[in-house]
Amino acid sequence: AGAPPDVAVASEPVARGQWTPRTLGLPNTIINALVATAAGELFVGTRFDVFRSRDEGATWQPAGVDLMPRNIMALTLAPDGALFAGSNTGGIYVSRDGAENWTPVSGDAIAPDSAIEDRGKKKKVVYDQILPKAPVRELEVVEEDGKPVVYAGTDKGIFRSYDEGRVWEGPLKTTADGKLTVAKDAAAAPPDESAPPAGNAAQPAALPATAVVASVTLAQ
């Protein structure tokens, strides 16, 4: 049946060998992501969706983002305590009540906003840019001018959203190894010149892929 998932809990400071396995209630699968709240709640992302523990990992309960289990590859907590989850198909979900309820903000469940562009005799429907249908392997949320900004590291680059995931900019410029550093509580940054302008959405298949999985680093 394979080895159990690897989750362990230790009190600080911790020395080698002072870890206690905490896997009761977790499926026998790989743990993709783990976050902890200030109140001590733990959340893990697995290929069978999100699981939550309120007793330091002694027991775990399902806290899935959808009725159908999703492969959750990334988790992060926003400065206001909101929990964001990213899936292997580009879907992003947010919960503001400790994973009791989830709202999809990006992915198949959300249709992009559209507008009619008048071009004289012709009119064209333009769509806001959506996140490409690619694994979301990393999520970070920072505050800029008091508002949350979401960064998503995907297999097709790093993308940024100023409205919690509905409209995206990107792929953003990164270092040669696919990394982007953003400051915590930074002043609002100017729009990235490499990002397509709003209303000119690039189709997911046309977005360039990075040579390595993109990642976001928060500067201290």
Protein backbone atom coordinates (compact mmCIF):
# COMPACT_ATOMS: atom_id res chain seq x y z
CA ALA A 1 0.00 0.00 0.00
CA GLY A 2 3.06 2.26 0.23
CA ALA A 3 4.44 4.48 2.95
CA PRO A 4 2.21 6.92 4.84
CA PRO A 5 2.38 10.64 4.03
CA ASP A 6 5.21 12.49 5.73
CA VAL A 7 3.86 15.05 8.20
CA ALA A 8 5.58 15.65 11.51
CA VAL A 9 5.18 18.19 14.30
CA ALA A 10 7.76 19.43 16.77
CA SER A 11 7.92 22.18 19.39
CA GLU A 12 10.59 24.87 19.10
CA PRO A 13 13.47 24.61 19.55
CA VAL A 14 13.76 21.23 17.83
CA ALA A 15 16.73 18.89 17.85
CA ARG A 16 17.42 16.05 15.47
CA GLY A 17 15.13 13.12 16.14
CA GLN A 18 12.50 15.09 18.10
CA TRP A 19 9.79 14.88 15.46
CA THR A 20 6.48 13.10 15.91
CA PRO A 21 4.57 11.75 12.87
CA ARG A 22 1.08 13.24 12.55
CA THR A 23 -0.84 11.53 9.76
CA LEU A 24 -4.09 10.19 11.24
CA GLY A 25 -6.85 10.92 8.74
CA LEU A 26 -4.56 11.86 5.85
CA PRO A 27 -4.71 9.88 2.58
CA ASN A 28 -1.73 7.78 1.61
CA THR A 29 -0.28 10.26 -0.87
CA ILE A 30 2.33 12.97 -1.37
CA ILE A 31 2.00 16.21 0.61
CA ASN A 32 2.41 19.06 -1.87
CA ALA A 33 2.07 22.04 0.49
CA LEU A 34 1.65 22.86 4.20
CA VAL A 35 0.74 26.10 5.97
CA ALA A 36 -0.02 27.00 9.58
CA THR A 37 -2.14 29.85 10.91
CA ALA A 38 -1.31 32.03 13.91
CA ALA A 39 -4.08 30.20 15.78
CA GLY A 40 -2.35 26.85 15.26
CA GLU A 41 -4.51 25.38 12.49
CA LEU A 42 -2.62 23.31 9.91
CA PHE A 43 -3.57 22.86 6.26
CA VAL A 44 -1.99 20.50 3.72
CA GLY A 45 -2.50 20.31 -0.03
CA THR A 46 -2.53 16.84 -1.57
CA ARG A 47 -3.59 15.21 -4.84
CA PHE A 48 -6.84 14.45 -2.99
CA ASP A 49 -7.52 18.11 -2.10
CA VAL A 50 -7.02 20.08 1.15
CA PHE A 51 -6.99 18.59 4.65
CA ARG A 52 -7.16 20.54 7.93
CA SER A 53 -6.00 19.86 11.48
CA ARG A 54 -7.04 21.80 14.57
CA ASP A 55 -5.01 19.75 17.06
CA GLU A 56 -1.42 20.23 15.84
CA GLY A 57 -1.72 17.41 13.33
CA ALA A 58 -2.98 14.71 15.70
CA THR A 59 -6.03 14.25 13.45
CA TRP A 60 -6.94 15.52 10.00
CA GLN A 61 -10.27 16.19 8.29
CA PRO A 62 -11.07 16.84 4.61
CA ALA A 63 -11.53 20.52 3.75
CA GLY A 64 -11.76 20.26 -0.02
CA VAL A 65 -12.07 23.22 -2.33
CA ASP A 66 -14.64 21.50 -4.54
CA LEU A 67 -17.14 18.64 -4.61
CA MET A 68 -14.72 16.75 -6.87
CA PRO A 69 -11.28 16.27 -5.27
CA ARG A 70 -8.64 18.58 -6.71
CA ASN A 71 -4.90 18.07 -6.88
CA ILE A 72 -3.81 20.99 -4.67
CA MET A 73 -0.18 21.86 -5.30
CA ALA A 74 0.16 25.22 -3.51
CA LEU A 75 -1.19 26.87 -0.36
CA THR A 76 -0.56 30.28 1.14
CA LEU A 77 -2.03 32.61 3.74
CA ALA A 78 -2.74 36.23 2.86
CA PRO A 79 -1.89 39.01 5.35
CA ASP A 80 -5.59 39.21 6.28
CA GLY A 81 -5.73 35.47 7.03
CA ALA A 82 -7.43 34.35 3.81
CA LEU A 83 -6.26 30.93 2.63
CA PHE A 84 -5.42 30.51 -1.08
CA ALA A 85 -5.06 27.15 -2.81
CA GLY A 86 -3.70 26.42 -6.30
CA SER A 87 -4.45 23.31 -8.34
CA ASN A 88 -2.68 21.37 -11.09
CA THR A 89 -5.03 22.79 -13.75
CA GLY A 90 -4.57 26.51 -13.05
CA GLY A 91 -7.50 26.79 -10.66
CA ILE A 92 -7.14 29.06 -7.63
CA TYR A 93 -9.52 29.01 -4.68
CA VAL A 94 -9.82 31.21 -1.60
CA SER A 95 -11.34 30.60 1.83
CA ARG A 96 -11.96 33.26 4.49
CA ASP A 97 -13.35 30.96 7.18
CA GLY A 98 -10.61 28.41 7.81
CA ALA A 99 -11.43 26.16 4.83
CA GLU A 100 -15.08 25.74 5.79
CA ASN A 101 -16.12 27.31 2.47
CA TRP A 102 -14.18 27.97 -0.71
CA THR A 103 -14.71 30.36 -3.62
CA PRO A 104 -13.09 29.75 -7.01
CA VAL A 105 -11.36 32.90 -8.24
CA SER A 106 -9.52 31.50 -11.26
CA GLY A 107 -9.75 28.45 -13.49
CA ASP A 108 -12.42 26.42 -15.26
CA ALA A 109 -15.16 27.51 -12.84
CA ILE A 110 -14.72 31.21 -13.67
CA ALA A 111 -15.54 32.76 -17.04
CA PRO A 112 -13.28 35.69 -17.96
CA ASP A 113 -14.86 39.14 -18.10
CA SER A 114 -15.36 40.49 -21.59
CA ALA A 115 -16.02 43.82 -23.28
CA ILE A 116 -16.95 45.00 -26.77
CA GLU A 117 -14.20 46.92 -28.55
CA ASP A 118 -15.47 49.30 -31.22
CA ARG A 119 -13.29 49.26 -34.34
CA GLY A 120 -15.41 51.37 -36.66
CA LYS A 121 -17.42 49.04 -38.86
CA LYS A 122 -16.24 46.04 -36.89
CA LYS A 123 -16.65 45.18 -33.26
CA LYS A 124 -14.51 42.74 -31.37
CA VAL A 125 -15.06 40.92 -28.11
CA VAL A 126 -11.98 41.15 -25.89
CA TYR A 127 -11.40 39.17 -22.73
CA ASP A 128 -9.48 39.86 -19.55
CA GLN A 129 -6.36 37.75 -19.21
CA ILE A 130 -6.85 34.54 -17.29
CA LEU A 131 -4.30 32.26 -15.66
CA PRO A 132 -3.04 29.61 -18.11
CA LYS A 133 -4.28 26.07 -17.64
CA ALA A 134 -1.05 24.86 -16.06
CA PRO A 135 -0.05 23.58 -12.62
CA VAL A 136 0.09 26.30 -9.95
CA ARG A 137 3.13 25.20 -7.98
CA GLU A 138 3.57 28.26 -5.77
CA LEU A 139 1.39 31.05 -4.40
CA GLU A 140 2.30 34.18 -2.46
CA VAL A 141 0.09 37.07 -1.34
CA VAL A 142 1.57 40.44 -0.35
CA GLU A 143 0.09 43.84 0.44
CA GLU A 144 0.71 46.79 -1.85
CA ASP A 145 -0.90 50.08 -0.76
CA GLY A 146 -3.01 48.12 1.69
CA LYS A 147 -4.46 45.81 -0.96
CA PRO A 148 -3.63 42.12 -1.54
CA VAL A 149 -1.62 41.18 -4.62
CA VAL A 150 -1.47 37.51 -5.59
CA TYR A 151 1.58 35.98 -7.29
CA ALA A 152 1.27 32.55 -8.89
CA GLY A 153 4.28 30.48 -9.95
CA THR A 154 3.20 28.11 -12.72
CA ASP A 155 4.77 25.86 -15.34
CA LYS A 156 4.21 28.72 -17.82
CA GLY A 157 5.78 31.50 -15.79
CA ILE A 158 4.92 33.82 -12.91
CA PHE A 159 1.67 35.79 -13.01
CA ARG A 160 0.31 38.62 -10.85
CA SER A 161 -3.24 39.61 -9.94
CA TYR A 162 -4.45 42.81 -8.27
CA ASP A 163 -8.03 41.55 -7.80
CA GLU A 164 -7.38 38.28 -5.92
CA GLY A 165 -7.15 36.11 -9.01
CA ARG A 166 -9.80 37.18 -11.49
CA VAL A 167 -7.55 39.11 -13.91
CA TRP A 168 -3.84 38.33 -14.34
CA GLU A 169 -0.71 40.00 -15.69
CA GLY A 170 2.15 37.97 -17.07
CA PRO A 171 4.22 36.10 -17.56
CA LEU A 172 6.40 38.49 -15.55
CA LYS A 173 10.11 38.97 -16.08
CA THR A 174 12.22 36.66 -13.94
CA THR A 175 15.85 35.79 -13.40
CA ALA A 176 17.52 33.20 -15.60
CA ASP A 177 16.58 30.43 -13.16
CA GLY A 178 12.90 31.43 -13.17
CA LYS A 179 12.79 33.35 -9.88
CA LEU A 180 11.06 36.60 -8.93
CA THR A 181 11.64 38.49 -5.68
CA VAL A 182 8.90 40.76 -4.32
CA ALA A 183 8.95 42.84 -1.16
CA LYS A 184 6.53 42.30 1.72
CA ASP A 185 4.20 45.27 2.27
CA ALA A 186 5.71 46.98 -0.75
CA ALA A 187 4.45 50.16 -2.34
CA ALA A 188 2.39 49.51 -5.46
CA ALA A 189 4.69 48.53 -8.28
CA PRO A 190 4.18 49.91 -11.81
CA PRO A 191 2.58 47.50 -14.29
CA ASP A 192 5.11 45.09 -15.76
CA GLU A 193 5.92 46.05 -19.35
CA SER A 194 6.18 42.41 -20.36
CA ALA A 195 2.55 41.77 -19.44
CA PRO A 196 -0.14 41.97 -22.14
CA PRO A 197 -2.36 45.05 -21.64
CA ALA A 198 -5.75 44.56 -20.03
CA GLY A 199 -8.34 43.45 -22.54
CA ASN A 200 -5.78 41.76 -24.82
CA ALA A 201 -5.79 38.33 -23.30
CA ALA A 202 -3.21 35.87 -24.51
CA GLN A 203 -4.57 32.41 -25.12
CA PRO A 204 -3.10 29.88 -22.64
CA ALA A 205 -1.45 27.86 -25.43
CA ALA A 206 0.39 30.96 -26.66
CA LEU A 207 1.98 31.86 -23.33
CA PRO A 208 5.71 31.06 -23.34
CA ALA A 209 6.89 28.34 -21.01
CA THR A 210 9.83 28.88 -18.67
CA ALA A 211 12.79 26.53 -18.73
CA VAL A 212 12.23 25.66 -15.06
CA VAL A 213 9.34 25.86 -12.65
CA ALA A 214 8.89 29.49 -11.67
CA SER A 215 9.08 30.47 -8.01
CA VAL A 216 8.35 33.58 -5.97
CA THR A 217 10.56 34.73 -3.10
CA LEU A 218 9.48 37.26 -0.48
CA ALA A 219 12.24 39.71 0.42
CA GLN A 220 12.70 40.20 4.16
